[in-house]
Amino acid sequence: MRCRERCGACCVAPSISQPFWGMPQGKAAGVVCVHLTSEAACALFNDPRRPAVCANFQPDVMVCGETREEAFYLLQALELRTTPTC
């Protein structure tokens, strides 16, 4: 599967717990990454400053679904299932 144009769900829905360039505190779930362009693309794509979690993410129907809206739903659900509880 290839990334859906103008989606950007993976740059908003999940959290990134480690600091990275431009977001020294990491990124909370639901917060738009500062590197998401107005075309909903990653400005750090193929840049060594891109977080490893992003570089390793591979689009798949299991997390991207059939639409942008479904991608948000699936990624938010995955975030909730994988967030540690105190």
PDB file of N, CA and C in Angstrom:
ATOM      1  N   MET A   1       0.851  -1.182   0.000  1.00  0.00           N
ATOM      2  CA  MET A   1       0.000   0.000   0.000  1.00  0.00           C
ATOM      3  C   MET A   1       0.891   1.237   0.000  1.00  0.00           C
ATOM      4  N   ARG A   2       0.439   2.268  -0.668  1.00  0.00           N
ATOM      5  CA  ARG A   2       1.150   3.542  -0.693  1.00  0.00           C
ATOM      6  C   ARG A   2       0.394   4.544   0.151  1.00  0.00           C
ATOM      7  N   CYS A   3       1.095   5.559   0.630  1.00  0.00           N
ATOM      8  CA  CYS A   3       0.440   6.606   1.413  1.00  0.00           C
ATOM      9  C   CYS A   3      -0.645   7.276   0.579  1.00  0.00           C
ATOM     10  N   ARG A   4      -1.745   7.571   1.246  1.00  0.00           N
ATOM     11  CA  ARG A   4      -2.852   8.279   0.619  1.00  0.00           C
ATOM     12  C   ARG A   4      -2.493   9.765   0.550  1.00  0.00           C
ATOM     13  N   GLU A   5      -2.595  10.346  -0.606  1.00  0.00           N
ATOM     14  CA  GLU A   5      -2.290  11.771  -0.753  1.00  0.00           C
ATOM     15  C   GLU A   5      -3.224  12.611   0.104  1.00  0.00           C
ATOM     16  N   ARG A   6      -2.653  13.664   0.682  1.00  0.00           N
ATOM     17  CA  ARG A   6      -3.390  14.645   1.486  1.00  0.00           C
ATOM     18  C   ARG A   6      -4.101  14.005   2.685  1.00  0.00           C
ATOM     19  N   CYS A   7      -3.489  12.982   3.273  1.00  0.00           N
ATOM     20  CA  CYS A   7      -4.070  12.316   4.437  1.00  0.00           C
ATOM     21  C   CYS A   7      -3.451  12.886   5.713  1.00  0.00           C
ATOM     22  N   GLY A   8      -2.222  12.528   6.008  1.00  0.00           N
ATOM     23  CA  GLY A   8      -1.531  13.045   7.178  1.00  0.00           C
ATOM     24  C   GLY A   8      -2.010  12.513   8.520  1.00  0.00           C
ATOM     25  N   ALA A   9      -2.880  11.510   8.510  1.00  0.00           N
ATOM     26  CA  ALA A   9      -3.396  10.972   9.776  1.00  0.00           C
ATOM     27  C   ALA A   9      -2.270  10.478  10.675  1.00  0.00           C
ATOM     28  N   CYS A  10      -1.251   9.879  10.095  1.00  0.00           N
ATOM     29  CA  CYS A  10      -0.132   9.353  10.893  1.00  0.00           C
ATOM     30  C   CYS A  10       0.734  10.473  11.463  1.00  0.00           C
ATOM     31  N   CYS A  11       0.530  11.704  11.011  1.00  0.00           N
ATOM     32  CA  CYS A  11       1.275  12.855  11.525  1.00  0.00           C
ATOM     33  C   CYS A  11       0.473  13.623  12.572  1.00  0.00           C
ATOM     34  N   VAL A  12      -0.716  13.120  12.880  1.00  0.00           N
ATOM     35  CA  VAL A  12      -1.591  13.773  13.853  1.00  0.00           C
ATOM     36  C   VAL A  12      -2.019  12.809  14.950  1.00  0.00           C
ATOM     37  N   ALA A  13      -2.609  11.690  14.583  1.00  0.00           N
ATOM     38  CA  ALA A  13      -3.260  10.789  15.545  1.00  0.00           C
ATOM     39  C   ALA A  13      -2.311  10.189  16.580  1.00  0.00           C
ATOM     40  N   PRO A  14      -1.176   9.603  16.202  1.00  0.00           N
ATOM     41  CA  PRO A  14      -0.338   8.951  17.216  1.00  0.00           C
ATOM     42  C   PRO A  14       0.555   9.927  17.976  1.00  0.00           C
ATOM     43  N   SER A  15       0.964   9.493  19.152  1.00  0.00           N
ATOM     44  CA  SER A  15       1.948  10.252  19.918  1.00  0.00           C
ATOM     45  C   SER A  15       3.349   9.809  19.500  1.00  0.00           C
ATOM     46  N   ILE A  16       4.313  10.686  19.752  1.00  0.00           N
ATOM     47  CA  ILE A  16       5.729  10.356  19.578  1.00  0.00           C
ATOM     48  C   ILE A  16       6.378  10.705  20.907  1.00  0.00           C
ATOM     49  N   SER A  17       6.807   9.707  21.637  1.00  0.00           N
ATOM     50  CA  SER A  17       7.278   9.921  23.006  1.00  0.00           C
ATOM     51  C   SER A  17       8.691  10.486  23.084  1.00  0.00           C
ATOM     52  N   GLN A  18       9.468  10.329  22.046  1.00  0.00           N
ATOM     53  CA  GLN A  18      10.839  10.826  22.076  1.00  0.00           C
ATOM     54  C   GLN A  18      10.934  12.211  21.455  1.00  0.00           C
ATOM     55  N   PRO A  19      11.837  13.051  21.986  1.00  0.00           N
ATOM     56  CA  PRO A  19      12.049  14.368  21.372  1.00  0.00           C
ATOM     57  C   PRO A  19      12.604  14.214  19.961  1.00  0.00           C
ATOM     58  N   PHE A  20      12.259  15.140  19.105  1.00  0.00           N
ATOM     59  CA  PHE A  20      12.824  15.150  17.758  1.00  0.00           C
ATOM     60  C   PHE A  20      12.908  16.584  17.279  1.00  0.00           C
ATOM     61  N   TRP A  21      13.613  16.787  16.177  1.00  0.00           N
ATOM     62  CA  TRP A  21      13.876  18.121  15.665  1.00  0.00           C
ATOM     63  C   TRP A  21      12.568  18.889  15.470  1.00  0.00           C
ATOM     64  N   GLY A  22      12.480  20.043  16.088  1.00  0.00           N
ATOM     65  CA  GLY A  22      11.294  20.886  15.975  1.00  0.00           C
ATOM     66  C   GLY A  22      10.255  20.618  17.054  1.00  0.00           C
ATOM     67  N   MET A  23      10.330  19.473  17.711  1.00  0.00           N
ATOM     68  CA  MET A  23       9.392  19.128  18.782  1.00  0.00           C
ATOM     69  C   MET A  23      10.190  18.490  19.924  1.00  0.00           C
ATOM     70  N   PRO A  24      10.896  19.313  20.695  1.00  0.00           N
ATOM     71  CA  PRO A  24      11.798  18.793  21.721  1.00  0.00           C
ATOM     72  C   PRO A  24      11.103  18.039  22.855  1.00  0.00           C
ATOM     73  N   GLN A  25       9.803  18.179  22.991  1.00  0.00           N
ATOM     74  CA  GLN A  25       9.057  17.445  24.014  1.00  0.00           C
ATOM     75  C   GLN A  25       8.361  16.216  23.422  1.00  0.00           C
ATOM     76  N   GLY A  26       8.617  15.918  22.158  1.00  0.00           N
ATOM     77  CA  GLY A  26       7.875  14.865  21.474  1.00  0.00           C
ATOM     78  C   GLY A  26       6.540  15.424  20.998  1.00  0.00           C
ATOM     79  N   LYS A  27       5.603  14.550  20.703  1.00  0.00           N
ATOM     80  CA  LYS A  27       4.300  14.981  20.184  1.00  0.00           C
ATOM     81  C   LYS A  27       3.199  14.164  20.849  1.00  0.00           C
ATOM     82  N   ALA A  28       2.230  14.854  21.403  1.00  0.00           N
ATOM     83  CA  ALA A  28       1.088  14.173  22.024  1.00  0.00           C
ATOM     84  C   ALA A  28       0.130  13.672  20.943  1.00  0.00           C
ATOM     85  N   ALA A  29      -0.591  12.633  21.257  1.00  0.00           N
ATOM     86  CA  ALA A  29      -1.606  12.106  20.333  1.00  0.00           C
ATOM     87  C   ALA A  29      -2.625  13.205  20.034  1.00  0.00           C
ATOM     88  N   GLY A  30      -2.978  13.326  18.766  1.00  0.00           N
ATOM     89  CA  GLY A  30      -3.964  14.320  18.347  1.00  0.00           C
ATOM     90  C   GLY A  30      -3.385  15.686  18.033  1.00  0.00           C
ATOM     91  N   VAL A  31      -2.116  15.879  18.318  1.00  0.00           N
ATOM     92  CA  VAL A  31      -1.440  17.147  18.023  1.00  0.00           C
ATOM     93  C   VAL A  31      -0.817  17.044  16.638  1.00  0.00           C
ATOM     94  N   VAL A  32      -0.998  18.074  15.844  1.00  0.00           N
ATOM     95  CA  VAL A  32      -0.431  18.092  14.497  1.00  0.00           C
ATOM     96  C   VAL A  32       1.084  18.278  14.593  1.00  0.00           C
ATOM     97  N   CYS A  33       1.831  17.426  13.931  1.00  0.00           N
ATOM     98  CA  CYS A  33       3.282  17.554  13.887  1.00  0.00           C
ATOM     99  C   CYS A  33       3.649  18.870  13.193  1.00  0.00           C
ATOM    100  N   VAL A  34       4.663  19.549  13.716  1.00  0.00           N
ATOM    101  CA  VAL A  34       5.076  20.830  13.130  1.00  0.00           C
ATOM    102  C   VAL A  34       5.628  20.660  11.716  1.00  0.00           C
ATOM    103  N   HIS A  35       5.938  19.445  11.326  1.00  0.00           N
ATOM    104  CA  HIS A  35       6.513  19.189  10.006  1.00  0.00           C
ATOM    105  C   HIS A  35       5.470  18.746   8.978  1.00  0.00           C
ATOM    106  N   LEU A  36       4.196  18.747   9.359  1.00  0.00           N
ATOM    107  CA  LEU A  36       3.136  18.400   8.415  1.00  0.00           C
ATOM    108  C   LEU A  36       2.856  19.623   7.549  1.00  0.00           C
ATOM    109  N   THR A  37       3.006  19.471   6.249  1.00  0.00           N
ATOM    110  CA  THR A  37       2.820  20.595   5.331  1.00  0.00           C
ATOM    111  C   THR A  37       1.334  20.859   5.077  1.00  0.00           C
ATOM    112  N   SER A  38       1.044  21.956   4.419  1.00  0.00           N
ATOM    113  CA  SER A  38      -0.345  22.293   4.086  1.00  0.00           C
ATOM    114  C   SER A  38      -0.949  21.288   3.107  1.00  0.00           C
ATOM    115  N   GLU A  39      -0.096  20.501   2.451  1.00  0.00           N
ATOM    116  CA  GLU A  39      -0.568  19.439   1.550  1.00  0.00           C
ATOM    117  C   GLU A  39      -0.680  18.104   2.283  1.00  0.00           C
ATOM    118  N   ALA A  40      -0.571  18.148   3.630  1.00  0.00           N
ATOM    119  CA  ALA A  40      -0.645  16.949   4.480  1.00  0.00           C
ATOM    120  C   ALA A  40       0.446  15.937   4.135  1.00  0.00           C
ATOM    121  N   ALA A  41       1.647  16.446   3.908  1.00  0.00           N
ATOM    122  CA  ALA A  41       2.815  15.600   3.657  1.00  0.00           C
ATOM    123  C   ALA A  41       3.876  15.926   4.706  1.00  0.00           C
ATOM    124  N   CYS A  42       4.801  15.013   4.908  1.00  0.00           N
ATOM    125  CA  CYS A  42       5.874  15.209   5.882  1.00  0.00           C
ATOM    126  C   CYS A  42       7.008  16.020   5.259  1.00  0.00           C
ATOM    127  N   ALA A  43       7.320  17.147   5.872  1.00  0.00           N
ATOM    128  CA  ALA A  43       8.417  17.983   5.380  1.00  0.00           C
ATOM    129  C   ALA A  43       9.778  17.364   5.686  1.00  0.00           C
ATOM    130  N   LEU A  44       9.803  16.348   6.568  1.00  0.00           N
ATOM    131  CA  LEU A  44      11.066  15.686   6.903  1.00  0.00           C
ATOM    132  C   LEU A  44      11.244  14.347   6.200  1.00  0.00           C
ATOM    133  N   PHE A  45      10.377  14.039   5.247  1.00  0.00           N
ATOM    134  CA  PHE A  45      10.487  12.768   4.548  1.00  0.00           C
ATOM    135  C   PHE A  45      11.877  12.664   3.927  1.00  0.00           C
ATOM    136  N   ASN A  46      12.548  11.531   4.147  1.00  0.00           N
ATOM    137  CA  ASN A  46      13.922  11.286   3.671  1.00  0.00           C
ATOM    138  C   ASN A  46      14.957  12.228   4.288  1.00  0.00           C
ATOM    139  N   ASP A  47      14.633  12.823   5.413  1.00  0.00           N
ATOM    140  CA  ASP A  47      15.554  13.705   6.136  1.00  0.00           C
ATOM    141  C   ASP A  47      16.040  12.940   7.365  1.00  0.00           C
ATOM    142  N   PRO A  48      17.326  12.953   7.671  1.00  0.00           N
ATOM    143  CA  PRO A  48      17.819  12.206   8.829  1.00  0.00           C
ATOM    144  C   PRO A  48      17.265  12.707  10.161  1.00  0.00           C
ATOM    145  N   ARG A  49      16.692  13.898  10.196  1.00  0.00           N
ATOM    146  CA  ARG A  49      16.099  14.424  11.432  1.00  0.00           C
ATOM    147  C   ARG A  49      14.703  13.854  11.687  1.00  0.00           C
ATOM    148  N   ARG A  50      14.168  13.143  10.725  1.00  0.00           N
ATOM    149  CA  ARG A  50      12.840  12.537  10.878  1.00  0.00           C
ATOM    150  C   ARG A  50      12.907  11.471  11.976  1.00  0.00           C
ATOM    151  N   PRO A  51      11.925  11.458  12.890  1.00  0.00           N
ATOM    152  CA  PRO A  51      11.953  10.456  13.965  1.00  0.00           C
ATOM    153  C   PRO A  51      11.936   9.030  13.406  1.00  0.00           C
ATOM    154  N   ALA A  52      12.665   8.148  14.073  1.00  0.00           N
ATOM    155  CA  ALA A  52      12.744   6.755  13.624  1.00  0.00           C
ATOM    156  C   ALA A  52      11.368   6.115  13.553  1.00  0.00           C
ATOM    157  N   VAL A  53      10.496   6.426  14.503  1.00  0.00           N
ATOM    158  CA  VAL A  53       9.158   5.833  14.492  1.00  0.00           C
ATOM    159  C   VAL A  53       8.411   6.210  13.213  1.00  0.00           C
ATOM    160  N   CYS A  54       8.628   7.405  12.733  1.00  0.00           N
ATOM    161  CA  CYS A  54       7.976   7.847  11.488  1.00  0.00           C
ATOM    162  C   CYS A  54       8.630   7.191  10.271  1.00  0.00           C
ATOM    163  N   ALA A  55       9.947   7.160  10.275  1.00  0.00           N
ATOM    164  CA  ALA A  55      10.665   6.561   9.152  1.00  0.00           C
ATOM    165  C   ALA A  55      10.346   5.075   9.018  1.00  0.00           C
ATOM    166  N   ASN A  56      10.087   4.415  10.139  1.00  0.00           N
ATOM    167  CA  ASN A  56       9.789   2.978  10.125  1.00  0.00           C
ATOM    168  C   ASN A  56       8.316   2.662   9.878  1.00  0.00           C
ATOM    169  N   PHE A  57       7.458   3.657   9.955  1.00  0.00           N
ATOM    170  CA  PHE A  57       6.028   3.423   9.737  1.00  0.00           C
ATOM    171  C   PHE A  57       5.772   3.055   8.274  1.00  0.00           C
ATOM    172  N   GLN A  58       5.031   1.998   8.073  1.00  0.00           N
ATOM    173  CA  GLN A  58       4.677   1.570   6.723  1.00  0.00           C
ATOM    174  C   GLN A  58       3.159   1.609   6.584  1.00  0.00           C
ATOM    175  N   PRO A  59       2.645   2.274   5.565  1.00  0.00           N
ATOM    176  CA  PRO A  59       1.194   2.296   5.385  1.00  0.00           C
ATOM    177  C   PRO A  59       0.660   0.891   5.146  1.00  0.00           C
ATOM    178  N   ASP A  60      -0.453   0.608   5.763  1.00  0.00           N
ATOM    179  CA  ASP A  60      -1.087  -0.701   5.655  1.00  0.00           C
ATOM    180  C   ASP A  60      -2.579  -0.507   5.853  1.00  0.00           C
ATOM    181  N   VAL A  61      -3.374  -1.283   5.170  1.00  0.00           N
ATOM    182  CA  VAL A  61      -4.825  -1.155   5.278  1.00  0.00           C
ATOM    183  C   VAL A  61      -5.288  -1.328   6.728  1.00  0.00           C
ATOM    184  N   MET A  62      -4.533  -2.058   7.555  1.00  0.00           N
ATOM    185  CA  MET A  62      -4.912  -2.274   8.960  1.00  0.00           C
ATOM    186  C   MET A  62      -4.863  -0.984   9.779  1.00  0.00           C
ATOM    187  N   VAL A  63      -4.032  -0.020   9.384  1.00  0.00           N
ATOM    188  CA  VAL A  63      -3.958   1.249  10.108  1.00  0.00           C
ATOM    189  C   VAL A  63      -4.399   2.437   9.256  1.00  0.00           C
ATOM    190  N   CYS A  64      -4.436   2.268   7.963  1.00  0.00           N
ATOM    191  CA  CYS A  64      -4.809   3.366   7.069  1.00  0.00           C
ATOM    192  C   CYS A  64      -6.260   3.264   6.586  1.00  0.00           C
ATOM    193  N   GLY A  65      -6.804   2.054   6.614  1.00  0.00           N
ATOM    194  CA  GLY A  65      -8.175   1.878   6.161  1.00  0.00           C
ATOM    195  C   GLY A  65      -8.354   2.242   4.703  1.00  0.00           C
ATOM    196  N   GLU A  66      -9.572   2.607   4.394  1.00  0.00           N
ATOM    197  CA  GLU A  66      -9.926   2.945   3.002  1.00  0.00           C
ATOM    198  C   GLU A  66     -10.053   4.442   2.767  1.00  0.00           C
ATOM    199  N   THR A  67     -10.138   5.229   3.860  1.00  0.00           N
ATOM    200  CA  THR A  67     -10.310   6.678   3.745  1.00  0.00           C
ATOM    201  C   THR A  67      -9.450   7.374   4.795  1.00  0.00           C
ATOM    202  N   ARG A  68      -9.286   8.675   4.642  1.00  0.00           N
ATOM    203  CA  ARG A  68      -8.554   9.476   5.632  1.00  0.00           C
ATOM    204  C   ARG A  68      -9.250   9.395   6.989  1.00  0.00           C
ATOM    205  N   GLU A  69     -10.560   9.484   6.991  1.00  0.00           N
ATOM    206  CA  GLU A  69     -11.327   9.434   8.232  1.00  0.00           C
ATOM    207  C   GLU A  69     -11.140   8.087   8.937  1.00  0.00           C
ATOM    208  N   GLU A  70     -11.131   7.015   8.166  1.00  0.00           N
ATOM    209  CA  GLU A  70     -10.921   5.696   8.746  1.00  0.00           C
ATOM    210  C   GLU A  70      -9.498   5.577   9.294  1.00  0.00           C
ATOM    211  N   ALA A  71      -8.528   6.177   8.623  1.00  0.00           N
ATOM    212  CA  ALA A  71      -7.150   6.165   9.116  1.00  0.00           C
ATOM    213  C   ALA A  71      -7.068   6.844  10.481  1.00  0.00           C
ATOM    214  N   PHE A  72      -7.721   7.982  10.637  1.00  0.00           N
ATOM    215  CA  PHE A  72      -7.734   8.658  11.937  1.00  0.00           C
ATOM    216  C   PHE A  72      -8.353   7.760  12.995  1.00  0.00           C
ATOM    217  N   TYR A  73      -9.472   7.152  12.680  1.00  0.00           N
ATOM    218  CA  TYR A  73     -10.148   6.269  13.635  1.00  0.00           C
ATOM    219  C   TYR A  73      -9.242   5.101  14.030  1.00  0.00           C
ATOM    220  N   LEU A  74      -8.657   4.437  13.052  1.00  0.00           N
ATOM    221  CA  LEU A  74      -7.819   3.272  13.327  1.00  0.00           C
ATOM    222  C   LEU A  74      -6.561   3.642  14.110  1.00  0.00           C
ATOM    223  N   LEU A  75      -5.935   4.750  13.744  1.00  0.00           N
ATOM    224  CA  LEU A  75      -4.721   5.166  14.448  1.00  0.00           C
ATOM    225  C   LEU A  75      -5.022   5.639  15.868  1.00  0.00           C
ATOM    226  N   GLN A  76      -6.154   6.314  16.062  1.00  0.00           N
ATOM    227  CA  GLN A  76      -6.546   6.727  17.411  1.00  0.00           C
ATOM    228  C   GLN A  76      -6.838   5.500  18.277  1.00  0.00           C
ATOM    229  N   ALA A  77      -7.505   4.511  17.706  1.00  0.00           N
ATOM    230  CA  ALA A  77      -7.805   3.280  18.446  1.00  0.00           C
ATOM    231  C   ALA A  77      -6.514   2.555  18.814  1.00  0.00           C
ATOM    232  N   LEU A  78      -5.563   2.504  17.892  1.00  0.00           N
ATOM    233  CA  LEU A  78      -4.284   1.865  18.166  1.00  0.00           C
ATOM    234  C   LEU A  78      -3.535   2.628  19.270  1.00  0.00           C
ATOM    235  N   GLU A  79      -3.579   3.930  19.216  1.00  0.00           N
ATOM    236  CA  GLU A  79      -2.941   4.758  20.249  1.00  0.00           C
ATOM    237  C   GLU A  79      -3.532   4.435  21.622  1.00  0.00           C
ATOM    238  N   LEU A  80      -4.851   4.345  21.717  1.00  0.00           N
ATOM    239  CA  LEU A  80      -5.495   4.037  22.984  1.00  0.00           C
ATOM    240  C   LEU A  80      -5.110   2.641  23.499  1.00  0.00           C
ATOM    241  N   ARG A  81      -5.050   1.682  22.599  1.00  0.00           N
ATOM    242  CA  ARG A  81      -4.709   0.297  22.988  1.00  0.00           C
ATOM    243  C   ARG A  81      -3.258   0.155  23.427  1.00  0.00           C
ATOM    244  N   THR A  82      -2.382   1.024  22.964  1.00  0.00           N
ATOM    245  CA  THR A  82      -0.955   0.866  23.259  1.00  0.00           C
ATOM    246  C   THR A  82      -0.439   1.878  24.272  1.00  0.00           C
ATOM    247  N   THR A  83      -1.292   2.752  24.780  1.00  0.00           N
ATOM    248  CA  THR A  83      -0.874   3.725  25.773  1.00  0.00           C
ATOM    249  C   THR A  83      -0.802   3.047  27.133  1.00  0.00           C
ATOM    250  N   PRO A  84       0.364   3.115  27.794  1.00  0.00           N
ATOM    251  CA  PRO A  84       0.485   2.495  29.121  1.00  0.00           C
ATOM    252  C   PRO A  84      -0.451   3.173  30.129  1.00  0.00           C
ATOM    253  N   THR A  85      -0.995   2.396  31.033  1.00  0.00           N
ATOM    254  CA  THR A  85      -1.820   2.950  32.098  1.00  0.00           C
ATOM    255  C   THR A  85      -0.968   3.074  33.349  1.00  0.00           C
ATOM    256  N   CYS A  86      -1.253   4.089  34.135  1.00  0.00           N
ATOM    257  CA  CYS A  86      -0.461   4.328  35.366  1.00  0.00           C
ATOM    258  C   CYS A  86      -0.873   3.420  36.478  1.00  0.00           C
TER     259      CYS A  86
END
